[in-house]
């Protein structure tokens, strides 16, 4: 009997220590602030805000003050999630071969901003962006890194991302942009989120400005120098070599000074994205581009 009483006393002591530990853990959790993150589908943002403010979805026809707009979104989140702290802003966009444009690079350099790039196909359509959003939303929710997610987007493909995050206990709040006609967000997405709000013309006006015809033509017609093009050719060659390895050179050198059609086309598309200038019909600059590409490869042989 005495042994049994001792065992019961020991068990009671262990239960008491466990309860004390749980109480301390709950107290720590209570002191830990909630955390939120902002997820921006830049494709949706440019299309909807451009249409609303500038009357066009063509990115080349208007300027977007990315830094100012991100600050405004952070301030809005601070008002909505008053007792929460910001983890960061995730900015999802498309780019040729996932190489940052100058504009995307400037956004990536902002504090508390993470740029994620999907591919941009020949029709300037984003590929892989929705899966990036889902991956981040699900991962952050699973690891309890966020309690709330503000999602600026409208694609129905984002429904699975919302469901994944909610499955781990995070709340997802859909942010939208006022549409001049109808809706610019999929109804199934509106049904799945925990809350929804729309930002109007006045909110975006300070950050979107239509380029004048002169500025637009200048942006399209500013011919790069031959040295700029040669440097870009070498830059792309360095990336090509890093991705494929030196053994891939064996397939190229026998055809010098010509490049296989697929490689030449990729070189052209990537160079135009970096230069922000069309090389179609610019035979002299295309030759310089190939020269820069070859010269770098030969220097590494």
C-alpha atoms as a PDB file:
ATOM      1  CA  UNK A   1       0.000   0.000   0.000  1.00  0.00           C
ATOM      2  CA  UNK A   2       2.809   2.368   0.895  1.00  0.00           C
ATOM      3  CA  UNK A   3       4.486   1.717  -2.483  1.00  0.00           C
ATOM      4  CA  UNK A   4       1.221   2.504  -4.233  1.00  0.00           C
ATOM      5  CA  UNK A   5       0.870   5.769  -2.318  1.00  0.00           C
ATOM      6  CA  UNK A   6       4.434   6.747  -3.237  1.00  0.00           C
ATOM      7  CA  UNK A   7       3.695   6.035  -6.909  1.00  0.00           C
ATOM      8  CA  UNK A   8       0.563   8.141  -6.789  1.00  0.00           C
ATOM      9  CA  UNK A   9       2.444  10.985  -5.125  1.00  0.00           C
ATOM     10  CA  UNK A  10       5.154  10.832  -7.793  1.00  0.00           C
ATOM     11  CA  UNK A  11       2.539  10.810 -10.547  1.00  0.00           C
ATOM     12  CA  UNK A  12       0.791  13.781  -8.983  1.00  0.00           C
ATOM     13  CA  UNK A  13       4.093  15.692  -8.834  1.00  0.00           C
ATOM     14  CA  UNK A  14       4.780  14.971 -12.501  1.00  0.00           C
ATOM     15  CA  UNK A  15       1.295  16.145 -13.497  1.00  0.00           C
ATOM     16  CA  UNK A  16       1.783  19.327 -11.482  1.00  0.00           C
ATOM     17  CA  UNK A  17       5.144  20.034 -13.188  1.00  0.00           C
ATOM     18  CA  UNK A  18       3.531  19.382 -16.577  1.00  0.00           C
ATOM     19  CA  UNK A  19       0.729  21.804 -15.812  1.00  0.00           C
ATOM     20  CA  UNK A  20       3.223  24.445 -14.724  1.00  0.00           C
ATOM     21  CA  UNK A  21       5.139  23.972 -17.963  1.00  0.00           C
ATOM     22  CA  UNK A  22       1.974  24.281 -20.040  1.00  0.00           C
ATOM     23  CA  UNK A  23       0.995  27.438 -18.187  1.00  0.00           C
ATOM     24  CA  UNK A  24       4.396  28.989 -18.888  1.00  0.00           C
ATOM     25  CA  UNK A  25       4.148  28.011 -22.580  1.00  0.00           C
ATOM     26  CA  UNK A  26       0.659  29.507 -22.861  1.00  0.00           C
ATOM     27  CA  UNK A  27       1.876  32.677 -21.199  1.00  0.00           C
ATOM     28  CA  UNK A  28       4.716  32.958 -23.706  1.00  0.00           C
ATOM     29  CA  UNK A  29       2.337  32.353 -26.609  1.00  0.00           C
ATOM     30  CA  UNK A  30       0.028  35.050 -25.276  1.00  0.00           C
ATOM     31  CA  UNK A  31       2.924  37.515 -25.213  1.00  0.00           C
ATOM     32  CA  UNK A  32       3.979  36.660 -28.786  1.00  0.00           C
ATOM     33  CA  UNK A  33       2.439  39.209 -31.191  1.00  0.00           C
ATOM     34  CA  UNK A  34       0.415  38.099 -34.178  1.00  0.00           C
ATOM     35  CA  UNK A  35       2.226  38.313 -37.494  1.00  0.00           C
ATOM     36  CA  UNK A  36       0.927  39.168 -40.946  1.00  0.00           C
ATOM     37  CA  UNK A  37       2.392  39.193 -44.448  1.00  0.00           C
ATOM     38  CA  UNK A  38       1.286  40.829 -47.688  1.00  0.00           C
ATOM     39  CA  UNK A  39       1.265  38.816 -50.916  1.00  0.00           C
ATOM     40  CA  UNK A  40       1.096  40.829 -54.154  1.00  0.00           C
ATOM     41  CA  UNK A  41       0.384  39.279 -57.545  1.00  0.00           C
ATOM     42  CA  UNK A  42       2.093  41.963 -59.639  1.00  0.00           C
ATOM     43  CA  UNK A  43       0.452  40.749 -62.848  1.00  0.00           C
ATOM     44  CA  UNK A  44      -2.982  41.425 -61.363  1.00  0.00           C
ATOM     45  CA  UNK A  45      -1.799  44.699 -59.818  1.00  0.00           C
ATOM     46  CA  UNK A  46      -0.389  46.140 -63.045  1.00  0.00           C
ATOM     47  CA  UNK A  47      -3.362  45.048 -65.135  1.00  0.00           C
ATOM     48  CA  UNK A  48      -6.092  46.208 -62.751  1.00  0.00           C
ATOM     49  CA  UNK A  49      -4.414  49.402 -61.497  1.00  0.00           C
ATOM     50  CA  UNK A  50      -3.264  50.325 -65.003  1.00  0.00           C
ATOM     51  CA  UNK A  51      -6.769  49.887 -66.360  1.00  0.00           C
ATOM     52  CA  UNK A  52      -8.287  51.839 -63.461  1.00  0.00           C
ATOM     53  CA  UNK A  53      -5.914  54.827 -63.436  1.00  0.00           C
ATOM     54  CA  UNK A  54      -4.263  54.947 -66.868  1.00  0.00           C
ATOM     55  CA  UNK A  55      -6.928  53.259 -68.966  1.00  0.00           C
ATOM     56  CA  UNK A  56      -4.592  50.524 -70.193  1.00  0.00           C
ATOM     57  CA  UNK A  57      -3.085  47.233 -69.057  1.00  0.00           C
ATOM     58  CA  UNK A  58       0.075  47.776 -71.130  1.00  0.00           C
ATOM     59  CA  UNK A  59       2.917  48.206 -68.626  1.00  0.00           C
ATOM     60  CA  UNK A  60       4.929  50.200 -71.152  1.00  0.00           C
ATOM     61  CA  UNK A  61       2.266  52.904 -71.244  1.00  0.00           C
ATOM     62  CA  UNK A  62       2.380  53.921 -67.585  1.00  0.00           C
ATOM     63  CA  UNK A  63       4.742  54.206 -64.630  1.00  0.00           C
ATOM     64  CA  UNK A  64       4.145  52.539 -61.276  1.00  0.00           C
ATOM     65  CA  UNK A  65       5.728  53.930 -58.114  1.00  0.00           C
ATOM     66  CA  UNK A  66       6.420  50.531 -56.597  1.00  0.00           C
ATOM     67  CA  UNK A  67       8.101  51.852 -53.456  1.00  0.00           C
ATOM     68  CA  UNK A  68       5.314  54.319 -52.700  1.00  0.00           C
ATOM     69  CA  UNK A  69       2.598  51.763 -53.324  1.00  0.00           C
ATOM     70  CA  UNK A  70       4.255  49.129 -51.147  1.00  0.00           C
ATOM     71  CA  UNK A  71       4.558  51.659 -48.320  1.00  0.00           C
ATOM     72  CA  UNK A  72       0.848  52.442 -48.722  1.00  0.00           C
ATOM     73  CA  UNK A  73      -0.062  48.744 -48.576  1.00  0.00           C
ATOM     74  CA  UNK A  74       2.073  48.290 -45.453  1.00  0.00           C
ATOM     75  CA  UNK A  75       0.338  51.266 -43.806  1.00  0.00           C
ATOM     76  CA  UNK A  76      -3.068  49.857 -44.729  1.00  0.00           C
ATOM     77  CA  UNK A  77      -2.150  46.485 -43.233  1.00  0.00           C
ATOM     78  CA  UNK A  78      -0.920  48.224 -40.079  1.00  0.00           C
ATOM     79  CA  UNK A  79      -4.367  49.807 -39.677  1.00  0.00           C
ATOM     80  CA  UNK A  80      -6.251  46.585 -40.351  1.00  0.00           C
ATOM     81  CA  UNK A  81      -4.023  44.314 -38.254  1.00  0.00           C
ATOM     82  CA  UNK A  82      -3.502  46.789 -35.435  1.00  0.00           C
ATOM     83  CA  UNK A  83      -2.097  44.285 -32.912  1.00  0.00           C
ATOM     84  CA  UNK A  84       0.084  42.455 -35.418  1.00  0.00           C
ATOM     85  CA  UNK A  85       3.575  42.921 -36.797  1.00  0.00           C
ATOM     86  CA  UNK A  86       4.608  42.704 -40.444  1.00  0.00           C
ATOM     87  CA  UNK A  87       6.728  39.745 -41.482  1.00  0.00           C
ATOM     88  CA  UNK A  88       7.385  41.030 -44.998  1.00  0.00           C
ATOM     89  CA  UNK A  89       5.839  41.855 -48.380  1.00  0.00           C
ATOM     90  CA  UNK A  90       6.036  39.137 -51.034  1.00  0.00           C
ATOM     91  CA  UNK A  91       6.001  40.483 -54.594  1.00  0.00           C
ATOM     92  CA  UNK A  92       5.279  37.944 -57.347  1.00  0.00           C
ATOM     93  CA  UNK A  93       5.972  38.796 -60.969  1.00  0.00           C
ATOM     94  CA  UNK A  94       7.017  37.200 -64.248  1.00  0.00           C
ATOM     95  CA  UNK A  95      10.287  37.678 -66.138  1.00  0.00           C
ATOM     96  CA  UNK A  96      12.011  36.089 -69.101  1.00  0.00           C
ATOM     97  CA  UNK A  97      14.052  33.150 -67.825  1.00  0.00           C
ATOM     98  CA  UNK A  98      13.390  34.523 -64.319  1.00  0.00           C
ATOM     99  CA  UNK A  99      15.924  37.336 -64.775  1.00  0.00           C
ATOM    100  CA  UNK A 100      15.015  40.518 -62.878  1.00  0.00           C
ATOM    101  CA  UNK A 101      14.210  43.627 -64.907  1.00  0.00           C
ATOM    102  CA  UNK A 102      15.576  46.925 -63.603  1.00  0.00           C
ATOM    103  CA  UNK A 103      12.171  47.724 -62.104  1.00  0.00           C
ATOM    104  CA  UNK A 104      11.928  44.348 -60.370  1.00  0.00           C
ATOM    105  CA  UNK A 105      15.460  44.725 -59.052  1.00  0.00           C
ATOM    106  CA  UNK A 106      14.631  48.113 -57.507  1.00  0.00           C
ATOM    107  CA  UNK A 107      11.624  46.572 -55.752  1.00  0.00           C
ATOM    108  CA  UNK A 108      13.718  43.626 -54.536  1.00  0.00           C
ATOM    109  CA  UNK A 109      16.126  46.070 -52.896  1.00  0.00           C
ATOM    110  CA  UNK A 110      13.389  47.620 -50.725  1.00  0.00           C
ATOM    111  CA  UNK A 111      13.415  46.702 -47.016  1.00  0.00           C
ATOM    112  CA  UNK A 112      10.972  44.001 -45.922  1.00  0.00           C
ATOM    113  CA  UNK A 113      10.224  43.025 -49.535  1.00  0.00           C
ATOM    114  CA  UNK A 114      10.873  39.648 -51.144  1.00  0.00           C
ATOM    115  CA  UNK A 115      10.535  39.366 -54.931  1.00  0.00           C
ATOM    116  CA  UNK A 116       9.591  35.975 -56.359  1.00  0.00           C
ATOM    117  CA  UNK A 117       9.765  35.492 -60.118  1.00  0.00           C
ATOM    118  CA  UNK A 118       7.884  33.116 -62.347  1.00  0.00           C
ATOM    119  CA  UNK A 119       8.489  32.784 -66.071  1.00  0.00           C
ATOM    120  CA  UNK A 120       7.140  35.077 -68.769  1.00  0.00           C
ATOM    121  CA  UNK A 121       6.261  33.313 -72.013  1.00  0.00           C
ATOM    122  CA  UNK A 122       6.352  34.624 -75.581  1.00  0.00           C
ATOM    123  CA  UNK A 123       2.853  36.080 -75.134  1.00  0.00           C
ATOM    124  CA  UNK A 124       3.924  37.977 -71.991  1.00  0.00           C
ATOM    125  CA  UNK A 125       1.843  35.637 -69.821  1.00  0.00           C
ATOM    126  CA  UNK A 126       3.035  34.739 -66.329  1.00  0.00           C
ATOM    127  CA  UNK A 127       3.760  31.077 -65.686  1.00  0.00           C
ATOM    128  CA  UNK A 128       4.406  29.560 -62.275  1.00  0.00           C
ATOM    129  CA  UNK A 129       3.457  32.606 -60.196  1.00  0.00           C
ATOM    130  CA  UNK A 130       0.374  31.009 -58.625  1.00  0.00           C
ATOM    131  CA  UNK A 131       2.388  27.981 -57.511  1.00  0.00           C
ATOM    132  CA  UNK A 132       4.972  30.282 -55.891  1.00  0.00           C
ATOM    133  CA  UNK A 133       2.219  32.040 -53.948  1.00  0.00           C
ATOM    134  CA  UNK A 134       0.768  28.721 -52.815  1.00  0.00           C
ATOM    135  CA  UNK A 135       4.173  27.431 -51.705  1.00  0.00           C
ATOM    136  CA  UNK A 136       4.907  30.522 -49.605  1.00  0.00           C
ATOM    137  CA  UNK A 137       1.426  30.803 -48.127  1.00  0.00           C
ATOM    138  CA  UNK A 138       1.322  27.134 -47.164  1.00  0.00           C
ATOM    139  CA  UNK A 139       4.863  27.080 -45.766  1.00  0.00           C
ATOM    140  CA  UNK A 140       4.444  30.202 -43.641  1.00  0.00           C
ATOM    141  CA  UNK A 141       1.101  29.023 -42.287  1.00  0.00           C
ATOM    142  CA  UNK A 142       2.410  25.528 -41.555  1.00  0.00           C
ATOM    143  CA  UNK A 143       5.331  26.904 -39.555  1.00  0.00           C
ATOM    144  CA  UNK A 144       3.074  29.390 -37.724  1.00  0.00           C
ATOM    145  CA  UNK A 145       5.139  32.241 -39.138  1.00  0.00           C
ATOM    146  CA  UNK A 146       1.973  34.216 -39.933  1.00  0.00           C
ATOM    147  CA  UNK A 147      -1.493  34.403 -38.460  1.00  0.00           C
ATOM    148  CA  UNK A 148      -2.959  36.601 -41.222  1.00  0.00           C
ATOM    149  CA  UNK A 149      -2.229  36.899 -44.938  1.00  0.00           C
ATOM    150  CA  UNK A 150      -3.314  39.854 -47.076  1.00  0.00           C
ATOM    151  CA  UNK A 151      -3.495  38.635 -50.683  1.00  0.00           C
ATOM    152  CA  UNK A 152      -3.686  41.180 -53.505  1.00  0.00           C
ATOM    153  CA  UNK A 153      -4.762  39.126 -56.503  1.00  0.00           C
ATOM    154  CA  UNK A 154      -7.724  37.842 -58.443  1.00  0.00           C
ATOM    155  CA  UNK A 155      -6.912  34.581 -60.222  1.00  0.00           C
ATOM    156  CA  UNK A 156      -9.078  31.539 -59.532  1.00  0.00           C
ATOM    157  CA  UNK A 157      -5.898  29.430 -59.411  1.00  0.00           C
ATOM    158  CA  UNK A 158      -5.146  31.086 -56.067  1.00  0.00           C
ATOM    159  CA  UNK A 159      -8.028  29.210 -54.422  1.00  0.00           C
ATOM    160  CA  UNK A 160      -5.773  26.240 -53.638  1.00  0.00           C
ATOM    161  CA  UNK A 161      -3.233  28.586 -52.026  1.00  0.00           C
ATOM    162  CA  UNK A 162      -5.939  30.055 -49.799  1.00  0.00           C
ATOM    163  CA  UNK A 163      -7.216  26.617 -48.801  1.00  0.00           C
ATOM    164  CA  UNK A 164      -3.703  25.394 -48.007  1.00  0.00           C
ATOM    165  CA  UNK A 165      -2.991  28.335 -45.688  1.00  0.00           C
ATOM    166  CA  UNK A 166      -6.367  28.096 -43.982  1.00  0.00           C
ATOM    167  CA  UNK A 167      -5.776  24.395 -43.395  1.00  0.00           C
ATOM    168  CA  UNK A 168      -2.924  25.352 -41.064  1.00  0.00           C
ATOM    169  CA  UNK A 169      -4.951  27.945 -39.187  1.00  0.00           C
ATOM    170  CA  UNK A 170      -3.990  31.176 -40.981  1.00  0.00           C
ATOM    171  CA  UNK A 171      -6.666  33.677 -41.983  1.00  0.00           C
ATOM    172  CA  UNK A 172      -6.512  34.913 -45.575  1.00  0.00           C
ATOM    173  CA  UNK A 173      -7.826  38.373 -46.473  1.00  0.00           C
ATOM    174  CA  UNK A 174      -8.339  39.142 -50.156  1.00  0.00           C
ATOM    175  CA  UNK A 175      -7.477  42.625 -51.344  1.00  0.00           C
ATOM    176  CA  UNK A 176      -8.746  43.797 -54.708  1.00  0.00           C
ATOM    177  CA  UNK A 177      -8.628  46.771 -57.061  1.00  0.00           C
ATOM    178  CA  UNK A 178     -11.748  48.590 -58.145  1.00  0.00           C
ATOM    179  CA  UNK A 179     -12.918  47.522 -61.597  1.00  0.00           C
ATOM    180  CA  UNK A 180     -14.384  50.066 -63.967  1.00  0.00           C
ATOM    181  CA  UNK A 181     -16.786  47.391 -65.238  1.00  0.00           C
ATOM    182  CA  UNK A 182     -17.819  44.078 -63.717  1.00  0.00           C
ATOM    183  CA  UNK A 183     -15.299  42.190 -61.567  1.00  0.00           C
ATOM    184  CA  UNK A 184     -11.599  41.544 -61.888  1.00  0.00           C
ATOM    185  CA  UNK A 185     -11.464  38.796 -59.242  1.00  0.00           C
ATOM    186  CA  UNK A 186     -12.752  35.248 -59.616  1.00  0.00           C
ATOM    187  CA  UNK A 187     -15.900  34.439 -57.645  1.00  0.00           C
ATOM    188  CA  UNK A 188     -14.542  31.108 -56.274  1.00  0.00           C
ATOM    189  CA  UNK A 189     -11.647  33.063 -54.776  1.00  0.00           C
ATOM    190  CA  UNK A 190     -14.048  35.528 -53.138  1.00  0.00           C
ATOM    191  CA  UNK A 191     -15.978  32.620 -51.622  1.00  0.00           C
ATOM    192  CA  UNK A 192     -12.937  30.998 -50.008  1.00  0.00           C
ATOM    193  CA  UNK A 193     -11.234  33.915 -48.255  1.00  0.00           C
ATOM    194  CA  UNK A 194     -11.930  35.061 -44.695  1.00  0.00           C
ATOM    195  CA  UNK A 195     -12.531  38.700 -45.660  1.00  0.00           C
ATOM    196  CA  UNK A 196     -12.414  40.909 -48.729  1.00  0.00           C
ATOM    197  CA  UNK A 197     -11.834  44.602 -49.350  1.00  0.00           C
ATOM    198  CA  UNK A 198     -11.401  46.695 -52.491  1.00  0.00           C
ATOM    199  CA  UNK A 199      -9.118  49.701 -52.982  1.00  0.00           C
ATOM    200  CA  UNK A 200     -10.487  52.456 -55.187  1.00  0.00           C
ATOM    201  CA  UNK A 201      -9.183  54.925 -57.741  1.00  0.00           C
ATOM    202  CA  UNK A 202      -8.183  57.492 -55.111  1.00  0.00           C
ATOM    203  CA  UNK A 203      -5.941  54.951 -53.388  1.00  0.00           C
ATOM    204  CA  UNK A 204      -3.952  54.174 -56.558  1.00  0.00           C
ATOM    205  CA  UNK A 205      -3.898  57.609 -58.208  1.00  0.00           C
ATOM    206  CA  UNK A 206      -0.696  58.792 -56.457  1.00  0.00           C
ATOM    207  CA  UNK A 207       1.240  55.714 -57.606  1.00  0.00           C
ATOM    208  CA  UNK A 208       0.189  55.220 -61.234  1.00  0.00           C
ATOM    209  CA  UNK A 209       0.839  57.782 -63.957  1.00  0.00           C
ATOM    210  CA  UNK A 210       0.342  57.432 -67.678  1.00  0.00           C
ATOM    211  CA  UNK A 211       3.386  58.212 -69.793  1.00  0.00           C
ATOM    212  CA  UNK A 212       3.076  60.986 -72.324  1.00  0.00           C
ATOM    213  CA  UNK A 213       3.269  59.962 -75.973  1.00  0.00           C
ATOM    214  CA  UNK A 214       6.756  61.482 -76.172  1.00  0.00           C
ATOM    215  CA  UNK A 215       8.001  59.636 -73.096  1.00  0.00           C
ATOM    216  CA  UNK A 216       6.444  56.397 -74.288  1.00  0.00           C
ATOM    217  CA  UNK A 217       8.081  56.669 -77.702  1.00  0.00           C
ATOM    218  CA  UNK A 218      11.407  57.574 -76.106  1.00  0.00           C
ATOM    219  CA  UNK A 219      11.232  54.557 -73.842  1.00  0.00           C
ATOM    220  CA  UNK A 220      10.569  52.358 -76.864  1.00  0.00           C
ATOM    221  CA  UNK A 221      13.077  54.028 -79.144  1.00  0.00           C
ATOM    222  CA  UNK A 222      16.104  54.674 -76.923  1.00  0.00           C
ATOM    223  CA  UNK A 223      18.681  52.696 -78.883  1.00  0.00           C
ATOM    224  CA  UNK A 224      21.341  51.096 -76.643  1.00  0.00           C
ATOM    225  CA  UNK A 225      25.023  51.487 -77.486  1.00  0.00           C
ATOM    226  CA  UNK A 226      26.984  48.667 -79.085  1.00  0.00           C
ATOM    227  CA  UNK A 227      29.003  48.275 -75.891  1.00  0.00           C
ATOM    228  CA  UNK A 228      25.804  47.953 -73.834  1.00  0.00           C
ATOM    229  CA  UNK A 229      24.589  45.205 -76.147  1.00  0.00           C
ATOM    230  CA  UNK A 230      27.969  43.464 -76.137  1.00  0.00           C
ATOM    231  CA  UNK A 231      28.001  43.501 -72.321  1.00  0.00           C
ATOM    232  CA  UNK A 232      24.494  42.027 -72.182  1.00  0.00           C
ATOM    233  CA  UNK A 233      25.594  39.268 -74.561  1.00  0.00           C
ATOM    234  CA  UNK A 234      28.469  38.406 -72.226  1.00  0.00           C
ATOM    235  CA  UNK A 235      26.179  38.583 -69.188  1.00  0.00           C
ATOM    236  CA  UNK A 236      23.731  36.114 -70.733  1.00  0.00           C
ATOM    237  CA  UNK A 237      26.618  33.833 -71.744  1.00  0.00           C
ATOM    238  CA  UNK A 238      27.808  33.727 -68.136  1.00  0.00           C
ATOM    239  CA  UNK A 239      24.362  32.683 -66.975  1.00  0.00           C
ATOM    240  CA  UNK A 240      24.047  30.168 -69.799  1.00  0.00           C
ATOM    241  CA  UNK A 241      27.377  28.614 -68.850  1.00  0.00           C
ATOM    242  CA  UNK A 242      26.508  28.501 -65.141  1.00  0.00           C
ATOM    243  CA  UNK A 243      23.223  26.752 -65.903  1.00  0.00           C
ATOM    244  CA  UNK A 244      24.522  24.172 -68.406  1.00  0.00           C
ATOM    245  CA  UNK A 245      28.155  23.605 -67.477  1.00  0.00           C
ATOM    246  CA  UNK A 246      31.345  23.689 -69.519  1.00  0.00           C
ATOM    247  CA  UNK A 247      30.589  20.379 -71.226  1.00  0.00           C
ATOM    248  CA  UNK A 248      27.754  22.101 -73.112  1.00  0.00           C
ATOM    249  CA  UNK A 249      30.369  24.222 -74.925  1.00  0.00           C
ATOM    250  CA  UNK A 250      31.365  21.171 -76.952  1.00  0.00           C
ATOM    251  CA  UNK A 251      28.029  21.326 -78.742  1.00  0.00           C
ATOM    252  CA  UNK A 252      28.370  25.032 -79.567  1.00  0.00           C
ATOM    253  CA  UNK A 253      31.956  25.591 -80.692  1.00  0.00           C
ATOM    254  CA  UNK A 254      31.788  23.531 -83.903  1.00  0.00           C
ATOM    255  CA  UNK A 255      29.107  25.917 -85.196  1.00  0.00           C
ATOM    256  CA  UNK A 256      30.995  29.148 -84.431  1.00  0.00           C
ATOM    257  CA  UNK A 257      30.187  31.932 -85.334  1.00  0.00           C
ATOM    258  CA  UNK A 258      26.617  30.661 -85.630  1.00  0.00           C
ATOM    259  CA  UNK A 259      24.385  29.646 -82.731  1.00  0.00           C
ATOM    260  CA  UNK A 260      21.740  26.893 -82.811  1.00  0.00           C
ATOM    261  CA  UNK A 261      18.314  28.361 -83.541  1.00  0.00           C
ATOM    262  CA  UNK A 262      16.912  27.691 -80.071  1.00  0.00           C
ATOM    263  CA  UNK A 263      19.944  29.214 -78.327  1.00  0.00           C
ATOM    264  CA  UNK A 264      19.922  32.250 -80.629  1.00  0.00           C
ATOM    265  CA  UNK A 265      16.209  32.841 -79.986  1.00  0.00           C
ATOM    266  CA  UNK A 266      16.639  32.570 -76.209  1.00  0.00           C
ATOM    267  CA  UNK A 267      19.576  34.974 -76.410  1.00  0.00           C
ATOM    268  CA  UNK A 268      17.463  37.500 -78.311  1.00  0.00           C
ATOM    269  CA  UNK A 269      14.478  37.304 -75.970  1.00  0.00           C
ATOM    270  CA  UNK A 270      16.610  37.551 -72.838  1.00  0.00           C
ATOM    271  CA  UNK A 271      18.629  40.461 -74.226  1.00  0.00           C
ATOM    272  CA  UNK A 272      15.488  42.414 -75.123  1.00  0.00           C
ATOM    273  CA  UNK A 273      14.185  41.933 -71.586  1.00  0.00           C
ATOM    274  CA  UNK A 274      17.436  43.184 -70.049  1.00  0.00           C
ATOM    275  CA  UNK A 275      17.825  46.092 -72.468  1.00  0.00           C
ATOM    276  CA  UNK A 276      14.117  46.973 -72.477  1.00  0.00           C
ATOM    277  CA  UNK A 277      14.545  47.474 -76.214  1.00  0.00           C
ATOM    278  CA  UNK A 278      13.478  45.463 -79.261  1.00  0.00           C
ATOM    279  CA  UNK A 279      16.334  44.080 -81.365  1.00  0.00           C
ATOM    280  CA  UNK A 280      14.003  42.889 -84.137  1.00  0.00           C
ATOM    281  CA  UNK A 281      15.199  44.383 -87.384  1.00  0.00           C
ATOM    282  CA  UNK A 282      18.444  45.575 -85.746  1.00  0.00           C
ATOM    283  CA  UNK A 283      20.861  43.276 -87.574  1.00  0.00           C
ATOM    284  CA  UNK A 284      23.988  45.164 -86.474  1.00  0.00           C
ATOM    285  CA  UNK A 285      23.066  45.055 -82.779  1.00  0.00           C
ATOM    286  CA  UNK A 286      22.134  41.395 -82.989  1.00  0.00           C
ATOM    287  CA  UNK A 287      25.593  40.644 -84.410  1.00  0.00           C
ATOM    288  CA  UNK A 288      27.180  42.572 -81.544  1.00  0.00           C
ATOM    289  CA  UNK A 289      24.991  40.644 -79.096  1.00  0.00           C
ATOM    290  CA  UNK A 290      26.215  37.319 -80.497  1.00  0.00           C
ATOM    291  CA  UNK A 291      29.801  38.582 -80.456  1.00  0.00           C
ATOM    292  CA  UNK A 292      29.534  39.407 -76.767  1.00  0.00           C
ATOM    293  CA  UNK A 293      28.025  35.979 -76.101  1.00  0.00           C
ATOM    294  CA  UNK A 294      30.804  34.147 -77.987  1.00  0.00           C
ATOM    295  CA  UNK A 295      33.625  36.240 -76.544  1.00  0.00           C
ATOM    296  CA  UNK A 296      32.649  35.370 -72.990  1.00  0.00           C
ATOM    297  CA  UNK A 297      32.358  31.663 -73.755  1.00  0.00           C
ATOM    298  CA  UNK A 298      35.743  31.626 -75.479  1.00  0.00           C
ATOM    299  CA  UNK A 299      37.328  33.409 -72.538  1.00  0.00           C
ATOM    300  CA  UNK A 300      36.141  30.608 -70.264  1.00  0.00           C
ATOM    301  CA  UNK A 301      37.245  27.715 -72.486  1.00  0.00           C
END
